[in-house]
Amino acid sequence: MATTKDYRDYILEQLNLLDNITCKSMMGEYLLYYNGILFGGIYDDRLLVKIVDNNKKYNMQESIPYENAKPMYLVDDVDNQETIRDIVLDTCKGLK
């Protein structure tokens, strides 16, 4: 199942507390970047972020974005802009 454009638009709206978010379409799903750093994506109407030490404190559940992919963390609380902002910032710090 591909991600719907409505869900993509909602997630991008939730990420508007951060400047320099970019979204690139890839095979029906979307890759998400912050300041040029690939931190996660939107897969099957789910917001997922890469697993790094800095974001383990959020106790997110691991999820597979697509077949044969590495696990990522599932962001459950997509309605909380401040939490999403903090998760993205901590994830990107861990990816530098």
PDB file of N, CA and C in Angstrom:
ATOM      1  N   MET A   1       0.846  -1.180   0.000  1.00  0.00           N
ATOM      2  CA  MET A   1       0.000   0.000   0.000  1.00  0.00           C
ATOM      3  C   MET A   1       0.893   1.245   0.000  1.00  0.00           C
ATOM      4  N   ALA A   2       0.680   2.114  -0.899  1.00  0.00           N
ATOM      5  CA  ALA A   2       1.448   3.359  -0.984  1.00  0.00           C
ATOM      6  C   ALA A   2       0.858   4.398  -0.030  1.00  0.00           C
ATOM      7  N   THR A   3       1.672   5.354   0.340  1.00  0.00           N
ATOM      8  CA  THR A   3       1.239   6.439   1.204  1.00  0.00           C
ATOM      9  C   THR A   3       0.313   7.381   0.431  1.00  0.00           C
ATOM     10  N   THR A   4      -0.742   7.809   1.082  1.00  0.00           N
ATOM     11  CA  THR A   4      -1.661   8.745   0.444  1.00  0.00           C
ATOM     12  C   THR A   4      -1.075  10.157   0.501  1.00  0.00           C
ATOM     13  N   LYS A   5      -1.445  10.954  -0.470  1.00  0.00           N
ATOM     14  CA  LYS A   5      -0.968  12.342  -0.490  1.00  0.00           C
ATOM     15  C   LYS A   5      -1.542  13.126   0.687  1.00  0.00           C
ATOM     16  N   ASP A   6      -2.741  12.791   1.116  1.00  0.00           N
ATOM     17  CA  ASP A   6      -3.325  13.459   2.277  1.00  0.00           C
ATOM     18  C   ASP A   6      -2.493  13.215   3.530  1.00  0.00           C
ATOM     19  N   TYR A   7      -2.040  11.971   3.722  1.00  0.00           N
ATOM     20  CA  TYR A   7      -1.212  11.663   4.896  1.00  0.00           C
ATOM     21  C   TYR A   7       0.140  12.366   4.782  1.00  0.00           C
ATOM     22  N   ARG A   8       0.723  12.349   3.599  1.00  0.00           N
ATOM     23  CA  ARG A   8       1.990  13.057   3.386  1.00  0.00           C
ATOM     24  C   ARG A   8       1.839  14.533   3.744  1.00  0.00           C
ATOM     25  N   ASP A   9       0.784  15.153   3.245  1.00  0.00           N
ATOM     26  CA  ASP A   9       0.546  16.573   3.513  1.00  0.00           C
ATOM     27  C   ASP A   9       0.364  16.826   5.011  1.00  0.00           C
ATOM     28  N   TYR A  10      -0.330  15.911   5.694  1.00  0.00           N
ATOM     29  CA  TYR A  10      -0.536  16.061   7.137  1.00  0.00           C
ATOM     30  C   TYR A  10       0.801  15.996   7.883  1.00  0.00           C
ATOM     31  N   ILE A  11       1.643  15.030   7.539  1.00  0.00           N
ATOM     32  CA  ILE A  11       2.942  14.900   8.201  1.00  0.00           C
ATOM     33  C   ILE A  11       3.800  16.135   7.925  1.00  0.00           C
ATOM     34  N   LEU A  12       3.816  16.600   6.700  1.00  0.00           N
ATOM     35  CA  LEU A  12       4.598  17.809   6.389  1.00  0.00           C
ATOM     36  C   LEU A  12       4.079  19.011   7.178  1.00  0.00           C
ATOM     37  N   GLU A  13       2.783  19.083   7.364  1.00  0.00           N
ATOM     38  CA  GLU A  13       2.198  20.151   8.172  1.00  0.00           C
ATOM     39  C   GLU A  13       2.652  20.018   9.631  1.00  0.00           C
ATOM     40  N   GLN A  14       2.701  18.792  10.133  1.00  0.00           N
ATOM     41  CA  GLN A  14       3.133  18.553  11.506  1.00  0.00           C
ATOM     42  C   GLN A  14       4.617  18.886  11.699  1.00  0.00           C
ATOM     43  N   LEU A  15       5.380  18.838  10.633  1.00  0.00           N
ATOM     44  CA  LEU A  15       6.813  19.130  10.692  1.00  0.00           C
ATOM     45  C   LEU A  15       7.124  20.617  10.500  1.00  0.00           C
ATOM     46  N   ASN A  16       6.100  21.462  10.421  1.00  0.00           N
ATOM     47  CA  ASN A  16       6.342  22.870  10.091  1.00  0.00           C
ATOM     48  C   ASN A  16       7.012  23.669  11.205  1.00  0.00           C
ATOM     49  N   LEU A  17       7.255  23.085  12.371  1.00  0.00           N
ATOM     50  CA  LEU A  17       8.032  23.760  13.410  1.00  0.00           C
ATOM     51  C   LEU A  17       9.520  23.778  13.052  1.00  0.00           C
ATOM     52  N   LEU A  18       9.896  22.970  12.077  1.00  0.00           N
ATOM     53  CA  LEU A  18      11.289  22.892  11.629  1.00  0.00           C
ATOM     54  C   LEU A  18      11.435  23.549  10.265  1.00  0.00           C
ATOM     55  N   ASP A  19      12.472  24.367  10.111  1.00  0.00           N
ATOM     56  CA  ASP A  19      12.791  24.924   8.799  1.00  0.00           C
ATOM     57  C   ASP A  19      13.604  23.890   8.029  1.00  0.00           C
ATOM     58  N   ASN A  20      13.635  24.031   6.735  1.00  0.00           N
ATOM     59  CA  ASN A  20      14.485  23.199   5.869  1.00  0.00           C
ATOM     60  C   ASN A  20      14.119  21.721   5.847  1.00  0.00           C
ATOM     61  N   ILE A  21      12.833  21.406   5.966  1.00  0.00           N
ATOM     62  CA  ILE A  21      12.362  20.036   5.758  1.00  0.00           C
ATOM     63  C   ILE A  21      12.103  19.875   4.273  1.00  0.00           C
ATOM     64  N   THR A  22      12.634  18.814   3.694  1.00  0.00           N
ATOM     65  CA  THR A  22      12.325  18.498   2.303  1.00  0.00           C
ATOM     66  C   THR A  22      11.798  17.078   2.227  1.00  0.00           C
ATOM     67  N   CYS A  23      10.985  16.851   1.228  1.00  0.00           N
ATOM     68  CA  CYS A  23      10.320  15.571   1.040  1.00  0.00           C
ATOM     69  C   CYS A  23      10.531  15.148  -0.408  1.00  0.00           C
ATOM     70  N   LYS A  24      11.043  13.945  -0.606  1.00  0.00           N
ATOM     71  CA  LYS A  24      11.267  13.431  -1.954  1.00  0.00           C
ATOM     72  C   LYS A  24      10.464  12.155  -2.158  1.00  0.00           C
ATOM     73  N   SER A  25       9.735  12.109  -3.256  1.00  0.00           N
ATOM     74  CA  SER A  25       8.932  10.940  -3.596  1.00  0.00           C
ATOM     75  C   SER A  25       9.832   9.804  -4.072  1.00  0.00           C
ATOM     76  N   MET A  26       9.518   8.586  -3.602  1.00  0.00           N
ATOM     77  CA  MET A  26      10.268   7.416  -4.035  1.00  0.00           C
ATOM     78  C   MET A  26       9.337   6.206  -4.062  1.00  0.00           C
ATOM     79  N   MET A  27       8.959   5.792  -5.239  1.00  0.00           N
ATOM     80  CA  MET A  27       8.171   4.581  -5.442  1.00  0.00           C
ATOM     81  C   MET A  27       6.902   4.532  -4.579  1.00  0.00           C
ATOM     82  N   GLY A  28       6.159   5.625  -4.544  1.00  0.00           N
ATOM     83  CA  GLY A  28       4.903   5.678  -3.811  1.00  0.00           C
ATOM     84  C   GLY A  28       5.059   6.028  -2.343  1.00  0.00           C
ATOM     85  N   GLU A  29       6.288   6.177  -1.892  1.00  0.00           N
ATOM     86  CA  GLU A  29       6.557   6.561  -0.511  1.00  0.00           C
ATOM     87  C   GLU A  29       7.353   7.859  -0.528  1.00  0.00           C
ATOM     88  N   TYR A  30       7.752   8.359   0.646  1.00  0.00           N
ATOM     89  CA  TYR A  30       8.402   9.661   0.716  1.00  0.00           C
ATOM     90  C   TYR A  30       9.585   9.639   1.681  1.00  0.00           C
ATOM     91  N   LEU A  31      10.722  10.141   1.219  1.00  0.00           N
ATOM     92  CA  LEU A  31      11.906  10.293   2.054  1.00  0.00           C
ATOM     93  C   LEU A  31      11.887  11.690   2.656  1.00  0.00           C
ATOM     94  N   LEU A  32      12.273  11.792   3.925  1.00  0.00           N
ATOM     95  CA  LEU A  32      12.251  13.073   4.623  1.00  0.00           C
ATOM     96  C   LEU A  32      13.662  13.481   5.024  1.00  0.00           C
ATOM     97  N   TYR A  33      13.971  14.753   4.766  1.00  0.00           N
ATOM     98  CA  TYR A  33      15.288  15.317   5.061  1.00  0.00           C
ATOM     99  C   TYR A  33      15.119  16.558   5.918  1.00  0.00           C
ATOM    100  N   TYR A  34      16.059  16.744   6.828  1.00  0.00           N
ATOM    101  CA  TYR A  34      16.141  17.980   7.601  1.00  0.00           C
ATOM    102  C   TYR A  34      17.547  18.528   7.416  1.00  0.00           C
ATOM    103  N   ASN A  35      17.639  19.743   6.889  1.00  0.00           N
ATOM    104  CA  ASN A  35      18.940  20.356   6.572  1.00  0.00           C
ATOM    105  C   ASN A  35      19.819  19.413   5.744  1.00  0.00           C
ATOM    106  N   GLY A  36      19.197  18.709   4.814  1.00  0.00           N
ATOM    107  CA  GLY A  36      19.933  17.817   3.922  1.00  0.00           C
ATOM    108  C   GLY A  36      20.241  16.445   4.496  1.00  0.00           C
ATOM    109  N   ILE A  37      19.839  16.179   5.739  1.00  0.00           N
ATOM    110  CA  ILE A  37      20.101  14.890   6.388  1.00  0.00           C
ATOM    111  C   ILE A  37      18.865  14.009   6.246  1.00  0.00           C
ATOM    112  N   LEU A  38      19.031  12.845   5.638  1.00  0.00           N
ATOM    113  CA  LEU A  38      17.934  11.882   5.517  1.00  0.00           C
ATOM    114  C   LEU A  38      17.690  11.264   6.892  1.00  0.00           C
ATOM    115  N   PHE A  39      16.576  11.616   7.515  1.00  0.00           N
ATOM    116  CA  PHE A  39      16.297  11.134   8.868  1.00  0.00           C
ATOM    117  C   PHE A  39      15.194  10.096   8.924  1.00  0.00           C
ATOM    118  N   GLY A  40      14.408   9.974   7.875  1.00  0.00           N
ATOM    119  CA  GLY A  40      13.304   9.021   7.911  1.00  0.00           C
ATOM    120  C   GLY A  40      12.445   9.131   6.675  1.00  0.00           C
ATOM    121  N   GLY A  41      11.214   8.671   6.825  1.00  0.00           N
ATOM    122  CA  GLY A  41      10.317   8.710   5.687  1.00  0.00           C
ATOM    123  C   GLY A  41       8.892   8.390   6.082  1.00  0.00           C
ATOM    124  N   ILE A  42       8.044   8.476   5.084  1.00  0.00           N
ATOM    125  CA  ILE A  42       6.635   8.136   5.250  1.00  0.00           C
ATOM    126  C   ILE A  42       6.400   6.891   4.398  1.00  0.00           C
ATOM    127  N   TYR A  43       6.060   5.798   5.067  1.00  0.00           N
ATOM    128  CA  TYR A  43       5.884   4.504   4.413  1.00  0.00           C
ATOM    129  C   TYR A  43       4.524   3.934   4.808  1.00  0.00           C
ATOM    130  N   ASP A  44       3.699   3.629   3.833  1.00  0.00           N
ATOM    131  CA  ASP A  44       2.375   3.044   4.094  1.00  0.00           C
ATOM    132  C   ASP A  44       1.603   3.830   5.154  1.00  0.00           C
ATOM    133  N   ASP A  45       1.578   5.144   4.992  1.00  0.00           N
ATOM    134  CA  ASP A  45       0.877   6.034   5.919  1.00  0.00           C
ATOM    135  C   ASP A  45       1.393   5.895   7.358  1.00  0.00           C
ATOM    136  N   ARG A  46       2.712   5.755   7.489  1.00  0.00           N
ATOM    137  CA  ARG A  46       3.369   5.701   8.802  1.00  0.00           C
ATOM    138  C   ARG A  46       4.617   6.583   8.745  1.00  0.00           C
ATOM    139  N   LEU A  47       4.827   7.369   9.787  1.00  0.00           N
ATOM    140  CA  LEU A  47       6.041   8.176   9.901  1.00  0.00           C
ATOM    141  C   LEU A  47       7.093   7.331  10.608  1.00  0.00           C
ATOM    142  N   LEU A  48       8.215   7.081   9.928  1.00  0.00           N
ATOM    143  CA  LEU A  48       9.307   6.293  10.490  1.00  0.00           C
ATOM    144  C   LEU A  48      10.585   7.114  10.475  1.00  0.00           C
ATOM    145  N   VAL A  49      11.411   6.921  11.513  1.00  0.00           N
ATOM    146  CA  VAL A  49      12.704   7.595  11.587  1.00  0.00           C
ATOM    147  C   VAL A  49      13.793   6.556  11.790  1.00  0.00           C
ATOM    148  N   LYS A  50      15.001   6.906  11.358  1.00  0.00           N
ATOM    149  CA  LYS A  50      16.143   6.009  11.527  1.00  0.00           C
ATOM    150  C   LYS A  50      16.421   5.792  13.013  1.00  0.00           C
ATOM    151  N   ILE A  51      16.940   4.633  13.322  1.00  0.00           N
ATOM    152  CA  ILE A  51      17.282   4.297  14.701  1.00  0.00           C
ATOM    153  C   ILE A  51      18.701   4.771  14.993  1.00  0.00           C
ATOM    154  N   VAL A  52      18.831   5.634  16.001  1.00  0.00           N
ATOM    155  CA  VAL A  52      20.131   6.118  16.475  1.00  0.00           C
ATOM    156  C   VAL A  52      20.076   6.153  18.009  1.00  0.00           C
ATOM    157  N   ASP A  53      21.228   6.202  18.632  1.00  0.00           N
ATOM    158  CA  ASP A  53      21.264   6.247  20.101  1.00  0.00           C
ATOM    159  C   ASP A  53      20.493   7.438  20.660  1.00  0.00           C
ATOM    160  N   ASN A  54      20.559   8.568  19.978  1.00  0.00           N
ATOM    161  CA  ASN A  54      19.929   9.797  20.475  1.00  0.00           C
ATOM    162  C   ASN A  54      18.405   9.722  20.565  1.00  0.00           C
ATOM    163  N   ASN A  55      17.761   8.838  19.778  1.00  0.00           N
ATOM    164  CA  ASN A  55      16.294   8.809  19.817  1.00  0.00           C
ATOM    165  C   ASN A  55      15.730   7.587  20.537  1.00  0.00           C
ATOM    166  N   LYS A  56      16.582   6.789  21.148  1.00  0.00           N
ATOM    167  CA  LYS A  56      16.097   5.613  21.888  1.00  0.00           C
ATOM    168  C   LYS A  56      15.285   6.000  23.110  1.00  0.00           C
ATOM    169  N   LYS A  57      15.533   7.200  23.642  1.00  0.00           N
ATOM    170  CA  LYS A  57      14.840   7.656  24.851  1.00  0.00           C
ATOM    171  C   LYS A  57      13.334   7.831  24.652  1.00  0.00           C
ATOM    172  N   TYR A  58      12.882   7.866  23.401  1.00  0.00           N
ATOM    173  CA  TYR A  58      11.455   8.045  23.125  1.00  0.00           C
ATOM    174  C   TYR A  58      10.677   6.732  23.179  1.00  0.00           C
ATOM    175  N   ASN A  59      11.392   5.614  23.351  1.00  0.00           N
ATOM    176  CA  ASN A  59      10.758   4.292  23.473  1.00  0.00           C
ATOM    177  C   ASN A  59       9.775   3.995  22.345  1.00  0.00           C
ATOM    178  N   MET A  60      10.217   4.257  21.128  1.00  0.00           N
ATOM    179  CA  MET A  60       9.363   3.993  19.972  1.00  0.00           C
ATOM    180  C   MET A  60       9.497   2.530  19.561  1.00  0.00           C
ATOM    181  N   GLN A  61       8.486   2.043  18.924  1.00  0.00           N
ATOM    182  CA  GLN A  61       8.447   0.663  18.448  1.00  0.00           C
ATOM    183  C   GLN A  61       9.197   0.548  17.123  1.00  0.00           C
ATOM    184  N   GLU A  62       9.943  -0.531  16.958  1.00  0.00           N
ATOM    185  CA  GLU A  62      10.609  -0.772  15.680  1.00  0.00           C
ATOM    186  C   GLU A  62       9.594  -1.247  14.651  1.00  0.00           C
ATOM    187  N   SER A  63       9.820  -0.847  13.411  1.00  0.00           N
ATOM    188  CA  SER A  63       8.938  -1.229  12.318  1.00  0.00           C
ATOM    189  C   SER A  63       9.772  -1.325  11.043  1.00  0.00           C
ATOM    190  N   ILE A  64       9.348  -2.176  10.140  1.00  0.00           N
ATOM    191  CA  ILE A  64      10.031  -2.348   8.858  1.00  0.00           C
ATOM    192  C   ILE A  64       9.314  -1.480   7.829  1.00  0.00           C
ATOM    193  N   PRO A  65      10.040  -0.557   7.176  1.00  0.00           N
ATOM    194  CA  PRO A  65       9.370   0.337   6.217  1.00  0.00           C
ATOM    195  C   PRO A  65       8.884  -0.385   4.963  1.00  0.00           C
ATOM    196  N   TYR A  66       9.663  -1.349   4.489  1.00  0.00           N
ATOM    197  CA  TYR A  66       9.313  -2.135   3.308  1.00  0.00           C
ATOM    198  C   TYR A  66      10.120  -3.429   3.364  1.00  0.00           C
ATOM    199  N   GLU A  67       9.764  -4.377   2.554  1.00  0.00           N
ATOM    200  CA  GLU A  67      10.388  -5.699   2.570  1.00  0.00           C
ATOM    201  C   GLU A  67      11.913  -5.603   2.415  1.00  0.00           C
ATOM    202  N   ASN A  68      12.610  -6.334   3.254  1.00  0.00           N
ATOM    203  CA  ASN A  68      14.077  -6.444   3.255  1.00  0.00           C
ATOM    204  C   ASN A  68      14.791  -5.156   3.677  1.00  0.00           C
ATOM    205  N   ALA A  69      14.091  -4.238   4.301  1.00  0.00           N
ATOM    206  CA  ALA A  69      14.709  -2.994   4.771  1.00  0.00           C
ATOM    207  C   ALA A  69      15.134  -3.142   6.231  1.00  0.00           C
ATOM    208  N   LYS A  70      16.051  -2.274   6.645  1.00  0.00           N
ATOM    209  CA  LYS A  70      16.453  -2.223   8.043  1.00  0.00           C
ATOM    210  C   LYS A  70      15.294  -1.672   8.868  1.00  0.00           C
ATOM    211  N   PRO A  71      15.179  -2.122  10.113  1.00  0.00           N
ATOM    212  CA  PRO A  71      14.118  -1.576  10.980  1.00  0.00           C
ATOM    213  C   PRO A  71      14.331  -0.081  11.221  1.00  0.00           C
ATOM    214  N   MET A  72      13.222   0.589  11.446  1.00  0.00           N
ATOM    215  CA  MET A  72      13.216   2.001  11.792  1.00  0.00           C
ATOM    216  C   MET A  72      12.278   2.156  12.986  1.00  0.00           C
ATOM    217  N   TYR A  73      12.266   3.338  13.575  1.00  0.00           N
ATOM    218  CA  TYR A  73      11.324   3.611  14.659  1.00  0.00           C
ATOM    219  C   TYR A  73      10.041   4.211  14.104  1.00  0.00           C
ATOM    220  N   LEU A  74       8.922   3.714  14.609  1.00  0.00           N
ATOM    221  CA  LEU A  74       7.604   4.217  14.249  1.00  0.00           C
ATOM    222  C   LEU A  74       7.230   5.366  15.188  1.00  0.00           C
ATOM    223  N   VAL A  75       6.924   6.519  14.626  1.00  0.00           N
ATOM    224  CA  VAL A  75       6.467   7.666  15.416  1.00  0.00           C
ATOM    225  C   VAL A  75       4.955   7.537  15.535  1.00  0.00           C
ATOM    226  N   ASP A  76       4.497   7.150  16.723  1.00  0.00           N
ATOM    227  CA  ASP A  76       3.060   6.938  16.956  1.00  0.00           C
ATOM    228  C   ASP A  76       2.293   8.237  17.135  1.00  0.00           C
ATOM    229  N   ASP A  77       2.885   9.181  17.859  1.00  0.00           N
ATOM    230  CA  ASP A  77       2.180  10.405  18.229  1.00  0.00           C
ATOM    231  C   ASP A  77       2.395  11.487  17.169  1.00  0.00           C
ATOM    232  N   VAL A  78       1.816  11.284  15.996  1.00  0.00           N
ATOM    233  CA  VAL A  78       2.014  12.248  14.905  1.00  0.00           C
ATOM    234  C   VAL A  78       1.178  13.512  15.078  1.00  0.00           C
ATOM    235  N   ASP A  79       0.338  13.546  16.099  1.00  0.00           N
ATOM    236  CA  ASP A  79      -0.478  14.736  16.335  1.00  0.00           C
ATOM    237  C   ASP A  79       0.239  15.762  17.216  1.00  0.00           C
ATOM    238  N   ASN A  80       1.373  15.389  17.799  1.00  0.00           N
ATOM    239  CA  ASN A  80       2.101  16.260  18.706  1.00  0.00           C
ATOM    240  C   ASN A  80       3.316  16.854  17.992  1.00  0.00           C
ATOM    241  N   GLN A  81       3.181  18.089  17.527  1.00  0.00           N
ATOM    242  CA  GLN A  81       4.240  18.736  16.746  1.00  0.00           C
ATOM    243  C   GLN A  81       5.539  18.884  17.530  1.00  0.00           C
ATOM    244  N   GLU A  82       5.444  19.201  18.811  1.00  0.00           N
ATOM    245  CA  GLU A  82       6.656  19.398  19.610  1.00  0.00           C
ATOM    246  C   GLU A  82       7.433  18.092  19.761  1.00  0.00           C
ATOM    247  N   THR A  83       6.731  16.996  19.969  1.00  0.00           N
ATOM    248  CA  THR A  83       7.392  15.692  20.093  1.00  0.00           C
ATOM    249  C   THR A  83       8.046  15.306  18.782  1.00  0.00           C
ATOM    250  N   ILE A  84       7.346  15.490  17.681  1.00  0.00           N
ATOM    251  CA  ILE A  84       7.923  15.163  16.368  1.00  0.00           C
ATOM    252  C   ILE A  84       9.174  16.010  16.130  1.00  0.00           C
ATOM    253  N   ARG A  85       9.100  17.295  16.437  1.00  0.00           N
ATOM    254  CA  ARG A  85      10.270  18.169  16.276  1.00  0.00           C
ATOM    255  C   ARG A  85      11.460  17.638  17.072  1.00  0.00           C
ATOM    256  N   ASP A  86      11.231  17.285  18.327  1.00  0.00           N
ATOM    257  CA  ASP A  86      12.315  16.796  19.179  1.00  0.00           C
ATOM    258  C   ASP A  86      12.891  15.479  18.652  1.00  0.00           C
ATOM    259  N   ILE A  87      12.031  14.602  18.194  1.00  0.00           N
ATOM    260  CA  ILE A  87      12.491  13.321  17.643  1.00  0.00           C
ATOM    261  C   ILE A  87      13.361  13.560  16.411  1.00  0.00           C
ATOM    262  N   VAL A  88      12.922  14.433  15.522  1.00  0.00           N
ATOM    263  CA  VAL A  88      13.689  14.722  14.305  1.00  0.00           C
ATOM    264  C   VAL A  88      15.040  15.339  14.662  1.00  0.00           C
ATOM    265  N   LEU A  89      15.055  16.299  15.563  1.00  0.00           N
ATOM    266  CA  LEU A  89      16.308  16.944  15.957  1.00  0.00           C
ATOM    267  C   LEU A  89      17.278  15.942  16.583  1.00  0.00           C
ATOM    268  N   ASP A  90      16.771  15.101  17.484  1.00  0.00           N
ATOM    269  CA  ASP A  90      17.637  14.104  18.118  1.00  0.00           C
ATOM    270  C   ASP A  90      18.122  13.061  17.117  1.00  0.00           C
ATOM    271  N   THR A  91      17.261  12.673  16.196  1.00  0.00           N
ATOM    272  CA  THR A  91      17.650  11.704  15.167  1.00  0.00           C
ATOM    273  C   THR A  91      18.761  12.282  14.299  1.00  0.00           C
ATOM    274  N   CYS A  92      18.591  13.512  13.867  1.00  0.00           N
ATOM    275  CA  CYS A  92      19.613  14.141  13.008  1.00  0.00           C
ATOM    276  C   CYS A  92      20.923  14.349  13.744  1.00  0.00           C
ATOM    277  N   LYS A  93      20.881  14.674  15.030  1.00  0.00           N
ATOM    278  CA  LYS A  93      22.114  14.795  15.820  1.00  0.00           C
ATOM    279  C   LYS A  93      22.873  13.468  15.817  1.00  0.00           C
ATOM    280  N   GLY A  94      22.122  12.383  15.910  1.00  0.00           N
ATOM    281  CA  GLY A  94      22.739  11.051  15.930  1.00  0.00           C
ATOM    282  C   GLY A  94      23.257  10.609  14.578  1.00  0.00           C
ATOM    283  N   LEU A  95      22.820  11.257  13.521  1.00  0.00           N
ATOM    284  CA  LEU A  95      23.253  10.887  12.164  1.00  0.00           C
ATOM    285  C   LEU A  95      24.438  11.706  11.673  1.00  0.00           C
ATOM    286  N   LYS A  96      24.835  12.736  12.404  1.00  0.00           N
ATOM    287  CA  LYS A  96      25.945  13.598  11.977  1.00  0.00           C
ATOM    288  C   LYS A  96      27.272  12.917  12.185  1.00  0.00           C
TER     289      LYS A  96
END
